[in-house]
């Protein structure tokens, strides 16, 4: 959702300029989405954790099947993310659908349906022949006050789920020199899972485009991922062309190979490439940027970052 804010800057009756207050307000509105992070936590009551190996990393998941319950308590307002995988067994073929049931404070009940195919990068750590499904997410807004959540599956279910829990942290990561931002205009956003974290990229290609404006001088960091078709070989070269105010600014020659740490949140015919970064030097003033992949038939996913020190100029 894009929000446009119009304000008038003036003085109070005491002559105090309101700029600092307004800039603080704008900062919170414009950048709050990118300033939060997800932190995993252990539920208060759950079956013993099981190690799932995801892209070579062993992670604790909490199994859930018929007769099991998971309880956790959170104090709102906050946001809860539940990352789920369904067990496929030794046969990774086809798709499986399932329901996660949730109860809040013993009253409010919800049921969430998800469909997943087997992940090519997730197995039981101690039984690598047992395949896990691709990750799926459920997001819950936790209202003000302390609330207890109960998670379970239906009494007739025959599947086993594996869950991880995350709470959205309200602390901005002050250690990061750059802040991610979304382009103002794009045709398609693509959610990815990178090392178990959800990250949004934006696609460019023959049918997809994006553009944004930024005020310089500053430097934009761009993280790109080539989308590999099944018939593409590893170690691919590709080129991204950047336009500044309608004119070609620079062509960036890049190289990528299939990633071991990133996967699509939704089923895709493509394979994600490793991240390849490049930098755009923005001259003084306001400038508009557009991007395309020069190589015919190819597509790439992009993510953008701006130095934290340059935020105020671009609010």
C-alpha atoms as a PDB file:
ATOM      1  CA  UNK A   1       0.000   0.000   0.000  1.00  0.00           C
ATOM      2  CA  UNK A   2       1.409   3.374  -0.977  1.00  0.00           C
ATOM      3  CA  UNK A   3       0.585   6.399   1.201  1.00  0.00           C
ATOM      4  CA  UNK A   4       0.943   9.983   0.063  1.00  0.00           C
ATOM      5  CA  UNK A   5       1.276  12.577   2.817  1.00  0.00           C
ATOM      6  CA  UNK A   6       0.818  16.311   2.330  1.00  0.00           C
ATOM      7  CA  UNK A   7       1.804  18.651   5.147  1.00  0.00           C
ATOM      8  CA  UNK A   8       2.378  22.318   5.813  1.00  0.00           C
ATOM      9  CA  UNK A   9       5.413  23.310   7.790  1.00  0.00           C
ATOM     10  CA  UNK A  10       5.059  26.365   9.995  1.00  0.00           C
ATOM     11  CA  UNK A  11       5.674  27.740  13.439  1.00  0.00           C
ATOM     12  CA  UNK A  12       3.793  27.495  16.687  1.00  0.00           C
ATOM     13  CA  UNK A  13       2.649  30.604  18.534  1.00  0.00           C
ATOM     14  CA  UNK A  14       5.927  30.478  20.429  1.00  0.00           C
ATOM     15  CA  UNK A  15       7.882  30.541  17.185  1.00  0.00           C
ATOM     16  CA  UNK A  16       9.160  26.938  17.455  1.00  0.00           C
ATOM     17  CA  UNK A  17       9.572  25.285  14.045  1.00  0.00           C
ATOM     18  CA  UNK A  18       7.707  21.997  13.735  1.00  0.00           C
ATOM     19  CA  UNK A  19      10.136  20.374  11.285  1.00  0.00           C
ATOM     20  CA  UNK A  20      11.714  17.908  13.782  1.00  0.00           C
ATOM     21  CA  UNK A  21       8.314  16.660  14.937  1.00  0.00           C
ATOM     22  CA  UNK A  22       7.002  16.283  11.403  1.00  0.00           C
ATOM     23  CA  UNK A  23      10.137  14.542  10.204  1.00  0.00           C
ATOM     24  CA  UNK A  24       9.903  12.107  13.083  1.00  0.00           C
ATOM     25  CA  UNK A  25       6.284  11.378  12.211  1.00  0.00           C
ATOM     26  CA  UNK A  26       7.105  10.901   8.550  1.00  0.00           C
ATOM     27  CA  UNK A  27      10.003   8.624   9.391  1.00  0.00           C
ATOM     28  CA  UNK A  28       7.728   6.350  11.395  1.00  0.00           C
ATOM     29  CA  UNK A  29       5.038   6.256   8.714  1.00  0.00           C
ATOM     30  CA  UNK A  30       7.291   5.792   5.717  1.00  0.00           C
ATOM     31  CA  UNK A  31       9.837   3.370   7.118  1.00  0.00           C
ATOM     32  CA  UNK A  32       8.143   1.408   9.870  1.00  0.00           C
ATOM     33  CA  UNK A  33       7.506  -1.525   7.565  1.00  0.00           C
ATOM     34  CA  UNK A  34      11.193  -1.918   6.829  1.00  0.00           C
ATOM     35  CA  UNK A  35      12.406  -1.159  10.345  1.00  0.00           C
ATOM     36  CA  UNK A  36      10.835  -4.187  12.039  1.00  0.00           C
ATOM     37  CA  UNK A  37      12.328  -7.647  12.266  1.00  0.00           C
ATOM     38  CA  UNK A  38      11.018 -11.106  13.122  1.00  0.00           C
ATOM     39  CA  UNK A  39      12.459 -12.927  16.149  1.00  0.00           C
ATOM     40  CA  UNK A  40      11.874 -16.634  16.677  1.00  0.00           C
ATOM     41  CA  UNK A  41      10.797 -17.862  20.109  1.00  0.00           C
ATOM     42  CA  UNK A  42       9.910 -21.079  21.931  1.00  0.00           C
ATOM     43  CA  UNK A  43       6.224 -21.695  22.754  1.00  0.00           C
ATOM     44  CA  UNK A  44       5.325 -22.227  26.407  1.00  0.00           C
ATOM     45  CA  UNK A  45       3.857 -25.688  25.886  1.00  0.00           C
ATOM     46  CA  UNK A  46       4.516 -27.898  22.855  1.00  0.00           C
ATOM     47  CA  UNK A  47       5.724 -31.351  21.840  1.00  0.00           C
ATOM     48  CA  UNK A  48       9.503 -31.662  21.966  1.00  0.00           C
ATOM     49  CA  UNK A  49      11.326 -29.818  19.155  1.00  0.00           C
ATOM     50  CA  UNK A  50      12.499 -31.700  16.069  1.00  0.00           C
ATOM     51  CA  UNK A  51      15.527 -30.725  14.013  1.00  0.00           C
ATOM     52  CA  UNK A  52      14.694 -29.867  10.399  1.00  0.00           C
ATOM     53  CA  UNK A  53      17.558 -29.240   8.009  1.00  0.00           C
ATOM     54  CA  UNK A  54      16.771 -26.300   5.736  1.00  0.00           C
ATOM     55  CA  UNK A  55      19.401 -25.381   3.139  1.00  0.00           C
ATOM     56  CA  UNK A  56      22.051 -27.078   5.266  1.00  0.00           C
ATOM     57  CA  UNK A  57      21.014 -25.321   8.491  1.00  0.00           C
ATOM     58  CA  UNK A  58      19.527 -27.315  11.391  1.00  0.00           C
ATOM     59  CA  UNK A  59      16.521 -25.536  12.926  1.00  0.00           C
ATOM     60  CA  UNK A  60      14.101 -26.378  15.723  1.00  0.00           C
ATOM     61  CA  UNK A  61      10.523 -26.996  14.613  1.00  0.00           C
ATOM     62  CA  UNK A  62       7.620 -28.056  16.821  1.00  0.00           C
ATOM     63  CA  UNK A  63       5.627 -31.042  15.486  1.00  0.00           C
ATOM     64  CA  UNK A  64       1.853 -30.925  15.523  1.00  0.00           C
ATOM     65  CA  UNK A  65      -0.524 -33.768  14.686  1.00  0.00           C
ATOM     66  CA  UNK A  66      -3.869 -35.113  15.848  1.00  0.00           C
ATOM     67  CA  UNK A  67      -4.065 -35.024  19.637  1.00  0.00           C
ATOM     68  CA  UNK A  68      -1.225 -32.501  20.063  1.00  0.00           C
ATOM     69  CA  UNK A  69      -1.536 -28.910  21.237  1.00  0.00           C
ATOM     70  CA  UNK A  70       0.804 -25.922  21.241  1.00  0.00           C
ATOM     71  CA  UNK A  71       0.246 -23.004  23.639  1.00  0.00           C
ATOM     72  CA  UNK A  72       1.924 -19.602  23.709  1.00  0.00           C
ATOM     73  CA  UNK A  73       1.223 -16.240  25.342  1.00  0.00           C
ATOM     74  CA  UNK A  74       1.978 -12.833  23.846  1.00  0.00           C
ATOM     75  CA  UNK A  75       1.374  -9.290  24.988  1.00  0.00           C
ATOM     76  CA  UNK A  76       0.004  -6.968  22.326  1.00  0.00           C
ATOM     77  CA  UNK A  77      -0.244  -5.019  20.313  1.00  0.00           C
ATOM     78  CA  UNK A  78       2.177  -7.039  18.233  1.00  0.00           C
ATOM     79  CA  UNK A  79       2.174  -9.442  15.314  1.00  0.00           C
ATOM     80  CA  UNK A  80       2.678 -13.200  15.325  1.00  0.00           C
ATOM     81  CA  UNK A  81       4.044 -15.195  12.400  1.00  0.00           C
ATOM     82  CA  UNK A  82       3.686 -18.976  12.213  1.00  0.00           C
ATOM     83  CA  UNK A  83       5.935 -20.695   9.666  1.00  0.00           C
ATOM     84  CA  UNK A  84       4.681 -24.177   8.757  1.00  0.00           C
ATOM     85  CA  UNK A  85       5.862 -27.197   6.831  1.00  0.00           C
ATOM     86  CA  UNK A  86       3.942 -30.403   6.209  1.00  0.00           C
ATOM     87  CA  UNK A  87       5.716 -33.766   6.281  1.00  0.00           C
ATOM     88  CA  UNK A  88       5.787 -35.482   2.895  1.00  0.00           C
ATOM     89  CA  UNK A  89       7.507 -38.708   3.900  1.00  0.00           C
ATOM     90  CA  UNK A  90       9.810 -40.454   1.430  1.00  0.00           C
ATOM     91  CA  UNK A  91       7.695 -39.542  -1.616  1.00  0.00           C
ATOM     92  CA  UNK A  92       8.118 -35.862  -2.535  1.00  0.00           C
ATOM     93  CA  UNK A  93       5.619 -35.936  -5.409  1.00  0.00           C
ATOM     94  CA  UNK A  94       2.428 -33.922  -5.800  1.00  0.00           C
ATOM     95  CA  UNK A  95       0.901 -31.394  -3.432  1.00  0.00           C
ATOM     96  CA  UNK A  96      -0.663 -31.631   0.002  1.00  0.00           C
ATOM     97  CA  UNK A  97      -3.290 -29.423   1.584  1.00  0.00           C
ATOM     98  CA  UNK A  98      -3.790 -28.987   5.298  1.00  0.00           C
ATOM     99  CA  UNK A  99      -5.450 -26.878   7.976  1.00  0.00           C
ATOM    100  CA  UNK A 100      -3.963 -25.217  11.027  1.00  0.00           C
ATOM    101  CA  UNK A 101      -6.509 -24.398  13.726  1.00  0.00           C
ATOM    102  CA  UNK A 102      -6.051 -21.581  16.208  1.00  0.00           C
ATOM    103  CA  UNK A 103      -7.896 -20.516  19.339  1.00  0.00           C
ATOM    104  CA  UNK A 104      -7.302 -17.228  21.192  1.00  0.00           C
ATOM    105  CA  UNK A 105      -8.133 -16.922  24.889  1.00  0.00           C
ATOM    106  CA  UNK A 106     -10.354 -20.006  24.626  1.00  0.00           C
ATOM    107  CA  UNK A 107     -12.911 -18.156  22.509  1.00  0.00           C
ATOM    108  CA  UNK A 108     -11.928 -16.765  19.105  1.00  0.00           C
ATOM    109  CA  UNK A 109     -11.336 -19.615  16.685  1.00  0.00           C
ATOM    110  CA  UNK A 110      -9.788 -19.585  13.206  1.00  0.00           C
ATOM    111  CA  UNK A 111      -8.863 -22.167  10.608  1.00  0.00           C
ATOM    112  CA  UNK A 112      -6.130 -21.594   8.008  1.00  0.00           C
ATOM    113  CA  UNK A 113      -5.829 -23.721   4.874  1.00  0.00           C
ATOM    114  CA  UNK A 114      -2.527 -24.029   3.041  1.00  0.00           C
ATOM    115  CA  UNK A 115      -1.300 -26.047   0.042  1.00  0.00           C
ATOM    116  CA  UNK A 116       2.339 -26.992  -0.491  1.00  0.00           C
ATOM    117  CA  UNK A 117       4.586 -29.083  -2.656  1.00  0.00           C
ATOM    118  CA  UNK A 118       7.736 -30.718  -1.321  1.00  0.00           C
ATOM    119  CA  UNK A 119      10.709 -28.453  -0.753  1.00  0.00           C
ATOM    120  CA  UNK A 120      13.964 -29.323  -2.497  1.00  0.00           C
ATOM    121  CA  UNK A 121      15.957 -27.911   0.431  1.00  0.00           C
ATOM    122  CA  UNK A 122      14.200 -29.139   3.593  1.00  0.00           C
ATOM    123  CA  UNK A 123      14.332 -32.618   5.199  1.00  0.00           C
ATOM    124  CA  UNK A 124      14.262 -34.084   8.680  1.00  0.00           C
ATOM    125  CA  UNK A 125      17.806 -33.628   9.962  1.00  0.00           C
ATOM    126  CA  UNK A 126      18.053 -37.118  11.488  1.00  0.00           C
ATOM    127  CA  UNK A 127      16.023 -38.810   8.726  1.00  0.00           C
ATOM    128  CA  UNK A 128      17.078 -37.136   5.454  1.00  0.00           C
ATOM    129  CA  UNK A 129      14.811 -39.427   3.427  1.00  0.00           C
ATOM    130  CA  UNK A 130      11.800 -37.705   4.973  1.00  0.00           C
ATOM    131  CA  UNK A 131      10.964 -34.642   2.856  1.00  0.00           C
ATOM    132  CA  UNK A 132       9.391 -31.462   4.193  1.00  0.00           C
ATOM    133  CA  UNK A 133       6.908 -29.291   2.341  1.00  0.00           C
ATOM    134  CA  UNK A 134       7.702 -25.776   1.180  1.00  0.00           C
ATOM    135  CA  UNK A 135       7.224 -23.237   3.935  1.00  0.00           C
ATOM    136  CA  UNK A 136       3.855 -21.528   4.344  1.00  0.00           C
ATOM    137  CA  UNK A 137       2.988 -18.678   6.693  1.00  0.00           C
ATOM    138  CA  UNK A 138       0.110 -17.481   8.839  1.00  0.00           C
ATOM    139  CA  UNK A 139       0.104 -13.951  10.285  1.00  0.00           C
ATOM    140  CA  UNK A 140      -1.947 -12.949  13.318  1.00  0.00           C
ATOM    141  CA  UNK A 141      -2.466  -9.483  14.753  1.00  0.00           C
ATOM    142  CA  UNK A 142      -2.266  -9.676  18.522  1.00  0.00           C
ATOM    143  CA  UNK A 143      -4.529  -7.022  20.126  1.00  0.00           C
ATOM    144  CA  UNK A 144      -3.605  -4.971  23.183  1.00  0.00           C
ATOM    145  CA  UNK A 145      -3.159  -6.900  26.401  1.00  0.00           C
ATOM    146  CA  UNK A 146      -1.962 -10.406  27.216  1.00  0.00           C
ATOM    147  CA  UNK A 147      -3.413 -13.234  25.108  1.00  0.00           C
ATOM    148  CA  UNK A 148      -2.990 -17.012  25.028  1.00  0.00           C
ATOM    149  CA  UNK A 149      -3.067 -18.886  21.736  1.00  0.00           C
ATOM    150  CA  UNK A 150      -3.726 -22.575  21.242  1.00  0.00           C
ATOM    151  CA  UNK A 151      -2.759 -24.328  17.986  1.00  0.00           C
ATOM    152  CA  UNK A 152      -3.990 -27.749  16.919  1.00  0.00           C
ATOM    153  CA  UNK A 153      -5.182 -29.787  13.922  1.00  0.00           C
ATOM    154  CA  UNK A 154      -8.550 -31.434  13.317  1.00  0.00           C
ATOM    155  CA  UNK A 155      -9.569 -34.670  14.999  1.00  0.00           C
ATOM    156  CA  UNK A 156      -9.772 -36.429  11.619  1.00  0.00           C
ATOM    157  CA  UNK A 157      -6.472 -35.159  10.224  1.00  0.00           C
ATOM    158  CA  UNK A 158      -3.819 -37.681   9.193  1.00  0.00           C
ATOM    159  CA  UNK A 159      -0.908 -35.310   8.522  1.00  0.00           C
ATOM    160  CA  UNK A 160       1.922 -33.993  10.659  1.00  0.00           C
ATOM    161  CA  UNK A 161       2.909 -30.334  10.628  1.00  0.00           C
ATOM    162  CA  UNK A 162       6.123 -28.692  11.800  1.00  0.00           C
ATOM    163  CA  UNK A 163       5.874 -25.127  13.152  1.00  0.00           C
ATOM    164  CA  UNK A 164       8.173 -22.231  14.049  1.00  0.00           C
ATOM    165  CA  UNK A 165       6.977 -19.077  15.788  1.00  0.00           C
ATOM    166  CA  UNK A 166       8.114 -15.485  15.307  1.00  0.00           C
ATOM    167  CA  UNK A 167       7.155 -12.213  16.958  1.00  0.00           C
ATOM    168  CA  UNK A 168       7.566  -8.910  15.193  1.00  0.00           C
ATOM    169  CA  UNK A 169      10.090  -6.794  17.034  1.00  0.00           C
ATOM    170  CA  UNK A 170       9.397  -3.079  17.363  1.00  0.00           C
ATOM    171  CA  UNK A 171      13.102  -2.261  17.573  1.00  0.00           C
ATOM    172  CA  UNK A 172      14.744  -0.711  14.532  1.00  0.00           C
ATOM    173  CA  UNK A 173      18.100  -2.306  13.787  1.00  0.00           C
ATOM    174  CA  UNK A 174      20.398   0.612  14.447  1.00  0.00           C
ATOM    175  CA  UNK A 175      23.456  -1.425  13.435  1.00  0.00           C
ATOM    176  CA  UNK A 176      22.408  -1.542   9.802  1.00  0.00           C
ATOM    177  CA  UNK A 177      23.812   1.241   7.642  1.00  0.00           C
ATOM    178  CA  UNK A 178      21.162   0.691   4.978  1.00  0.00           C
ATOM    179  CA  UNK A 179      17.378   0.499   5.052  1.00  0.00           C
ATOM    180  CA  UNK A 180      15.332  -1.513   2.568  1.00  0.00           C
ATOM    181  CA  UNK A 181      12.644   0.327   0.613  1.00  0.00           C
ATOM    182  CA  UNK A 182       9.946  -0.623  -1.865  1.00  0.00           C
ATOM    183  CA  UNK A 183       9.699   0.932  -5.336  1.00  0.00           C
ATOM    184  CA  UNK A 184       6.749   3.283  -5.779  1.00  0.00           C
ATOM    185  CA  UNK A 185       5.590   1.579  -8.986  1.00  0.00           C
ATOM    186  CA  UNK A 186       5.977  -2.122  -9.809  1.00  0.00           C
ATOM    187  CA  UNK A 187       4.088  -4.879 -11.601  1.00  0.00           C
ATOM    188  CA  UNK A 188       4.878  -7.822  -9.347  1.00  0.00           C
ATOM    189  CA  UNK A 189       6.309  -8.431  -5.896  1.00  0.00           C
ATOM    190  CA  UNK A 190       7.710 -11.868  -5.118  1.00  0.00           C
ATOM    191  CA  UNK A 191       7.941 -13.126  -1.509  1.00  0.00           C
ATOM    192  CA  UNK A 192      10.984 -15.294  -0.799  1.00  0.00           C
ATOM    193  CA  UNK A 193      12.235 -17.315   2.150  1.00  0.00           C
ATOM    194  CA  UNK A 194      15.924 -16.671   2.800  1.00  0.00           C
ATOM    195  CA  UNK A 195      17.431 -18.547   5.716  1.00  0.00           C
ATOM    196  CA  UNK A 196      13.904 -18.958   7.120  1.00  0.00           C
ATOM    197  CA  UNK A 197      13.179 -15.212   6.931  1.00  0.00           C
ATOM    198  CA  UNK A 198      10.508 -13.759   4.653  1.00  0.00           C
ATOM    199  CA  UNK A 199      11.849 -11.115   2.259  1.00  0.00           C
ATOM    200  CA  UNK A 200      10.067  -9.299  -0.586  1.00  0.00           C
ATOM    201  CA  UNK A 201      11.744  -8.791  -3.976  1.00  0.00           C
ATOM    202  CA  UNK A 202      10.404  -7.114  -7.133  1.00  0.00           C
ATOM    203  CA  UNK A 203      10.531  -8.709 -10.587  1.00  0.00           C
ATOM    204  CA  UNK A 204      11.842  -7.195 -13.807  1.00  0.00           C
ATOM    205  CA  UNK A 205      11.680  -8.900 -17.207  1.00  0.00           C
ATOM    206  CA  UNK A 206       9.855  -8.863 -20.510  1.00  0.00           C
ATOM    207  CA  UNK A 207       6.473  -8.626 -18.748  1.00  0.00           C
ATOM    208  CA  UNK A 208       7.449  -6.964 -15.472  1.00  0.00           C
ATOM    209  CA  UNK A 209       8.910  -3.582 -14.626  1.00  0.00           C
ATOM    210  CA  UNK A 210       9.424  -1.175 -11.744  1.00  0.00           C
ATOM    211  CA  UNK A 211      10.462   2.403 -11.091  1.00  0.00           C
ATOM    212  CA  UNK A 212      11.037   4.792  -8.243  1.00  0.00           C
ATOM    213  CA  UNK A 213      12.273   8.314  -7.572  1.00  0.00           C
ATOM    214  CA  UNK A 214      14.998   9.263  -5.136  1.00  0.00           C
ATOM    215  CA  UNK A 215      16.653  12.508  -4.057  1.00  0.00           C
ATOM    216  CA  UNK A 216      20.447  12.662  -4.270  1.00  0.00           C
ATOM    217  CA  UNK A 217      23.197  12.785  -3.702  1.00  0.00           C
ATOM    218  CA  UNK A 218      23.100   9.244  -2.333  1.00  0.00           C
ATOM    219  CA  UNK A 219      24.016   5.686  -3.258  1.00  0.00           C
ATOM    220  CA  UNK A 220      21.394   3.011  -3.851  1.00  0.00           C
ATOM    221  CA  UNK A 221      22.417  -0.574  -3.173  1.00  0.00           C
ATOM    222  CA  UNK A 222      20.625  -3.115  -5.387  1.00  0.00           C
ATOM    223  CA  UNK A 223      20.553  -6.817  -4.578  1.00  0.00           C
ATOM    224  CA  UNK A 224      19.592  -8.865  -7.648  1.00  0.00           C
ATOM    225  CA  UNK A 225      18.734 -12.535  -8.110  1.00  0.00           C
ATOM    226  CA  UNK A 226      18.553 -14.131 -11.538  1.00  0.00           C
ATOM    227  CA  UNK A 227      15.614 -16.511 -11.998  1.00  0.00           C
ATOM    228  CA  UNK A 228      16.928 -19.784 -13.420  1.00  0.00           C
ATOM    229  CA  UNK A 229      14.740 -21.700 -15.855  1.00  0.00           C
ATOM    230  CA  UNK A 230      14.976 -25.516 -15.525  1.00  0.00           C
ATOM    231  CA  UNK A 231      17.067 -25.745 -18.715  1.00  0.00           C
ATOM    232  CA  UNK A 232      19.611 -23.101 -17.690  1.00  0.00           C
ATOM    233  CA  UNK A 233      23.119 -24.106 -16.681  1.00  0.00           C
ATOM    234  CA  UNK A 234      24.864 -22.921 -13.543  1.00  0.00           C
ATOM    235  CA  UNK A 235      27.160 -19.887 -13.378  1.00  0.00           C
ATOM    236  CA  UNK A 236      25.058 -17.721 -15.669  1.00  0.00           C
ATOM    237  CA  UNK A 237      25.984 -14.244 -16.821  1.00  0.00           C
ATOM    238  CA  UNK A 238      23.256 -11.616 -17.086  1.00  0.00           C
ATOM    239  CA  UNK A 239      23.008  -7.853 -17.516  1.00  0.00           C
ATOM    240  CA  UNK A 240      20.752  -5.299 -15.864  1.00  0.00           C
ATOM    241  CA  UNK A 241      20.283  -1.925 -17.495  1.00  0.00           C
ATOM    242  CA  UNK A 242      19.447   1.118 -15.401  1.00  0.00           C
ATOM    243  CA  UNK A 243      17.666   4.191 -16.788  1.00  0.00           C
ATOM    244  CA  UNK A 244      17.912   7.570 -15.088  1.00  0.00           C
ATOM    245  CA  UNK A 245      15.205  10.095 -16.002  1.00  0.00           C
ATOM    246  CA  UNK A 246      14.394   8.121 -19.161  1.00  0.00           C
ATOM    247  CA  UNK A 247      17.969   7.816 -20.471  1.00  0.00           C
ATOM    248  CA  UNK A 248      20.286   4.848 -20.149  1.00  0.00           C
ATOM    249  CA  UNK A 249      22.611   5.415 -17.195  1.00  0.00           C
ATOM    250  CA  UNK A 250      24.605   2.197 -16.953  1.00  0.00           C
ATOM    251  CA  UNK A 251      24.621  -1.503 -17.788  1.00  0.00           C
ATOM    252  CA  UNK A 252      25.739  -3.817 -14.972  1.00  0.00           C
ATOM    253  CA  UNK A 253      27.263  -7.170 -16.000  1.00  0.00           C
ATOM    254  CA  UNK A 254      26.487  -9.722 -13.287  1.00  0.00           C
ATOM    255  CA  UNK A 255      26.981 -13.417 -12.609  1.00  0.00           C
ATOM    256  CA  UNK A 256      24.875 -15.866 -10.633  1.00  0.00           C
ATOM    257  CA  UNK A 257      24.372 -19.534  -9.823  1.00  0.00           C
ATOM    258  CA  UNK A 258      21.505 -21.350  -8.062  1.00  0.00           C
ATOM    259  CA  UNK A 259      21.207 -20.317  -4.421  1.00  0.00           C
ATOM    260  CA  UNK A 260      21.546 -22.706  -1.499  1.00  0.00           C
ATOM    261  CA  UNK A 261      19.839 -20.404   0.995  1.00  0.00           C
ATOM    262  CA  UNK A 262      16.850 -18.903  -0.851  1.00  0.00           C
ATOM    263  CA  UNK A 263      13.558 -20.346  -2.063  1.00  0.00           C
ATOM    264  CA  UNK A 264      10.221 -19.089  -3.327  1.00  0.00           C
ATOM    265  CA  UNK A 265       7.428 -18.841  -0.794  1.00  0.00           C
ATOM    266  CA  UNK A 266       4.988 -20.010  -3.442  1.00  0.00           C
ATOM    267  CA  UNK A 267       5.539 -22.849  -5.921  1.00  0.00           C
ATOM    268  CA  UNK A 268       7.495 -21.661  -8.955  1.00  0.00           C
ATOM    269  CA  UNK A 269       8.895 -23.150 -12.137  1.00  0.00           C
ATOM    270  CA  UNK A 270      12.074 -21.133 -11.601  1.00  0.00           C
ATOM    271  CA  UNK A 271      15.111 -21.663  -9.383  1.00  0.00           C
ATOM    272  CA  UNK A 272      16.439 -18.692  -7.445  1.00  0.00           C
ATOM    273  CA  UNK A 273      19.917 -17.414  -8.131  1.00  0.00           C
ATOM    274  CA  UNK A 274      22.421 -16.221  -5.581  1.00  0.00           C
ATOM    275  CA  UNK A 275      22.357 -12.538  -4.758  1.00  0.00           C
ATOM    276  CA  UNK A 276      24.482 -10.283  -6.947  1.00  0.00           C
ATOM    277  CA  UNK A 277      24.774  -6.669  -5.836  1.00  0.00           C
ATOM    278  CA  UNK A 278      25.520  -3.426  -7.611  1.00  0.00           C
ATOM    279  CA  UNK A 279      25.389   0.252  -6.692  1.00  0.00           C
ATOM    280  CA  UNK A 280      23.759   3.282  -8.306  1.00  0.00           C
ATOM    281  CA  UNK A 281      25.338   6.667  -7.684  1.00  0.00           C
ATOM    282  CA  UNK A 282      22.504   9.209  -7.558  1.00  0.00           C
ATOM    283  CA  UNK A 283      23.505  12.810  -8.410  1.00  0.00           C
ATOM    284  CA  UNK A 284      22.121  15.842  -6.614  1.00  0.00           C
ATOM    285  CA  UNK A 285      18.405  16.455  -7.101  1.00  0.00           C
ATOM    286  CA  UNK A 286      15.373  14.240  -7.674  1.00  0.00           C
ATOM    287  CA  UNK A 287      15.757  11.444 -10.256  1.00  0.00           C
ATOM    288  CA  UNK A 288      13.600   8.585 -11.512  1.00  0.00           C
ATOM    289  CA  UNK A 289      15.033   5.107 -12.074  1.00  0.00           C
ATOM    290  CA  UNK A 290      13.821   2.189 -14.176  1.00  0.00           C
ATOM    291  CA  UNK A 291      15.340  -1.253 -14.762  1.00  0.00           C
ATOM    292  CA  UNK A 292      15.330  -4.053 -17.313  1.00  0.00           C
ATOM    293  CA  UNK A 293      17.154  -7.302 -18.067  1.00  0.00           C
ATOM    294  CA  UNK A 294      18.941  -6.944 -21.407  1.00  0.00           C
ATOM    295  CA  UNK A 295      19.091 -10.666 -22.147  1.00  0.00           C
ATOM    296  CA  UNK A 296      15.899 -11.764 -23.939  1.00  0.00           C
ATOM    297  CA  UNK A 297      13.565 -14.060 -22.073  1.00  0.00           C
ATOM    298  CA  UNK A 298      15.273 -13.676 -18.723  1.00  0.00           C
ATOM    299  CA  UNK A 299      13.914 -12.217 -15.515  1.00  0.00           C
ATOM    300  CA  UNK A 300      15.455 -11.092 -12.261  1.00  0.00           C
ATOM    301  CA  UNK A 301      14.314 -10.124  -8.791  1.00  0.00           C
ATOM    302  CA  UNK A 302      15.536  -6.895  -7.189  1.00  0.00           C
ATOM    303  CA  UNK A 303      15.656  -5.458  -3.681  1.00  0.00           C
ATOM    304  CA  UNK A 304      16.703  -1.886  -2.867  1.00  0.00           C
ATOM    305  CA  UNK A 305      18.524  -0.214   0.026  1.00  0.00           C
ATOM    306  CA  UNK A 306      19.296   3.417   0.859  1.00  0.00           C
ATOM    307  CA  UNK A 307      21.788   4.674   3.472  1.00  0.00           C
ATOM    308  CA  UNK A 308      20.116   5.433   6.769  1.00  0.00           C
ATOM    309  CA  UNK A 309      21.753   8.870   6.847  1.00  0.00           C
ATOM    310  CA  UNK A 310      19.913   9.835   3.612  1.00  0.00           C
ATOM    311  CA  UNK A 311      16.430   8.901   4.854  1.00  0.00           C
ATOM    312  CA  UNK A 312      15.367  12.418   5.766  1.00  0.00           C
ATOM    313  CA  UNK A 313      16.068  13.729   2.257  1.00  0.00           C
ATOM    314  CA  UNK A 314      13.723  11.099   0.803  1.00  0.00           C
ATOM    315  CA  UNK A 315      10.731  11.311   3.136  1.00  0.00           C
END
